[in-house]
N, C-alpha and C. Protein backbone atom coordinates (compact mmCIF):
# COMPACT_ATOMS: atom_id res chain seq x y z
N MET A 1 177.24 31.21 326.58
CA MET A 1 176.25 32.12 326.15
C MET A 1 176.28 32.29 324.64
N GLU A 2 175.12 32.16 324.04
CA GLU A 2 175.08 32.24 322.58
C GLU A 2 174.82 33.73 322.10
N THR A 3 175.51 34.18 321.05
CA THR A 3 175.32 35.53 320.53
C THR A 3 174.36 35.40 319.38
N LEU A 4 173.42 36.30 319.32
CA LEU A 4 172.40 36.33 318.27
C LEU A 4 172.50 37.69 317.66
N SER A 5 172.65 37.69 316.38
CA SER A 5 172.88 38.95 315.57
C SER A 5 171.52 39.08 314.80
N LEU A 6 170.94 40.27 315.00
CA LEU A 6 169.71 40.68 314.33
C LEU A 6 169.89 41.88 313.46
N LEU A 7 169.94 41.65 312.20
CA LEU A 7 170.23 42.71 311.27
C LEU A 7 168.85 43.26 310.72
N PRO A 8 168.75 44.61 310.72
CA PRO A 8 167.43 45.19 310.22
C PRO A 8 167.44 45.05 308.65
N LYS A 9 166.19 45.00 308.10
CA LYS A 9 166.03 44.98 306.71
C LYS A 9 166.31 46.41 306.19
N ALA A 10 167.22 46.48 305.31
CA ALA A 10 167.69 47.76 304.78
C ALA A 10 166.50 48.67 304.28
N SER A 11 165.54 48.05 303.56
CA SER A 11 164.49 48.82 303.04
C SER A 11 163.60 49.31 304.17
N SER A 12 163.39 48.54 305.20
CA SER A 12 162.52 49.08 306.27
C SER A 12 163.27 50.16 307.11
N LEU A 13 164.56 50.03 307.18
CA LEU A 13 165.40 51.02 307.94
C LEU A 13 165.32 52.33 307.16
N ILE A 14 165.50 52.25 305.77
CA ILE A 14 165.49 53.49 304.95
C ILE A 14 164.13 54.19 305.08
N GLU A 15 163.05 53.37 305.03
CA GLU A 15 161.70 54.04 305.10
C GLU A 15 161.45 54.66 306.44
N SER A 16 161.95 54.04 307.53
CA SER A 16 161.74 54.62 308.82
C SER A 16 162.53 55.95 308.99
N LEU A 17 163.72 55.86 308.51
CA LEU A 17 164.54 57.07 308.53
C LEU A 17 163.96 58.25 307.75
N ARG A 18 163.46 57.92 306.58
CA ARG A 18 162.79 58.89 305.68
C ARG A 18 161.61 59.49 306.38
N ASP A 19 160.95 58.84 307.18
CA ASP A 19 159.78 59.26 307.88
C ASP A 19 160.10 60.31 308.89
N ILE A 20 161.29 60.30 309.41
CA ILE A 20 161.69 61.32 310.35
C ILE A 20 162.56 62.46 309.66
N GLY A 21 162.53 62.44 308.40
CA GLY A 21 163.18 63.50 307.68
C GLY A 21 164.63 63.26 307.33
N TYR A 22 165.11 62.03 307.43
CA TYR A 22 166.46 61.70 307.07
C TYR A 22 166.46 61.23 305.63
N THR A 23 166.95 62.10 304.70
CA THR A 23 166.86 61.84 303.30
C THR A 23 168.08 61.09 302.82
N PHE A 24 168.04 60.57 301.58
CA PHE A 24 169.14 59.84 300.98
C PHE A 24 170.28 60.75 300.91
N GLU A 25 170.06 62.09 300.50
CA GLU A 25 171.20 62.99 300.41
C GLU A 25 171.87 63.27 301.77
N THR A 26 171.05 63.35 302.79
CA THR A 26 171.57 63.51 304.15
C THR A 26 172.45 62.34 304.55
N ALA A 27 171.97 61.14 304.20
CA ALA A 27 172.72 59.88 304.58
C ALA A 27 174.04 59.90 303.83
N VAL A 28 174.08 60.23 302.60
CA VAL A 28 175.33 60.27 301.81
C VAL A 28 176.31 61.29 302.42
N ALA A 29 175.77 62.46 302.79
CA ALA A 29 176.60 63.51 303.38
C ALA A 29 177.14 63.08 304.70
N ASP A 30 176.36 62.33 305.49
CA ASP A 30 176.85 61.78 306.73
C ASP A 30 178.03 60.74 306.54
N ILE A 31 177.80 59.90 305.55
CA ILE A 31 178.83 58.92 305.22
C ILE A 31 180.19 59.64 304.90
N ILE A 32 180.12 60.67 304.00
CA ILE A 32 181.25 61.41 303.57
C ILE A 32 181.90 62.17 304.81
N ASP A 33 181.02 62.86 305.59
CA ASP A 33 181.53 63.52 306.77
C ASP A 33 182.28 62.63 307.77
N ASN A 34 181.61 61.49 308.03
CA ASN A 34 182.24 60.52 308.92
C ASN A 34 183.57 59.95 308.45
N SER A 35 183.64 59.82 307.09
CA SER A 35 184.85 59.26 306.46
C SER A 35 186.02 60.34 306.60
N ILE A 36 185.58 61.66 306.38
CA ILE A 36 186.65 62.63 306.52
C ILE A 36 187.17 62.81 307.94
N THR A 37 186.10 62.66 308.83
CA THR A 37 186.50 62.76 310.32
C THR A 37 187.46 61.61 310.67
N ALA A 38 187.35 60.48 310.05
CA ALA A 38 188.22 59.34 310.30
C ALA A 38 189.47 59.40 309.46
N ASN A 39 189.74 60.43 308.91
CA ASN A 39 190.92 60.67 308.07
C ASN A 39 190.98 59.71 306.84
N ALA A 40 189.89 59.35 306.24
CA ALA A 40 189.92 58.53 305.08
C ALA A 40 190.57 59.29 303.96
N LYS A 41 191.42 58.45 303.19
CA LYS A 41 192.10 59.03 302.09
C LYS A 41 191.24 58.88 300.76
N ASN A 42 190.42 57.86 300.76
CA ASN A 42 189.54 57.59 299.55
C ASN A 42 188.15 57.23 300.09
N ILE A 43 187.20 57.76 299.43
CA ILE A 43 185.72 57.48 299.79
C ILE A 43 185.08 57.02 298.46
N LYS A 44 184.65 55.78 298.63
CA LYS A 44 183.95 55.26 297.38
C LYS A 44 182.56 54.84 297.79
N ILE A 45 181.57 55.33 297.07
CA ILE A 45 180.18 54.98 297.39
C ILE A 45 179.61 54.39 296.08
N TYR A 46 179.20 53.18 296.15
CA TYR A 46 178.55 52.56 295.07
C TYR A 46 177.07 52.48 295.25
N TYR A 47 176.34 52.99 294.30
CA TYR A 47 174.88 53.00 294.45
C TYR A 47 174.23 52.36 293.18
């Protein structure tokens, strides 16, 4: 059986999330919150 990986275009994904009220700030807050929940010692976000 062959595995096929389909990755979404980041720009399209961001636009679709923005349309439902998911802002850049909310996305960053989610990354930080998830990292803290996973007991991360360092969180680096490059933009």
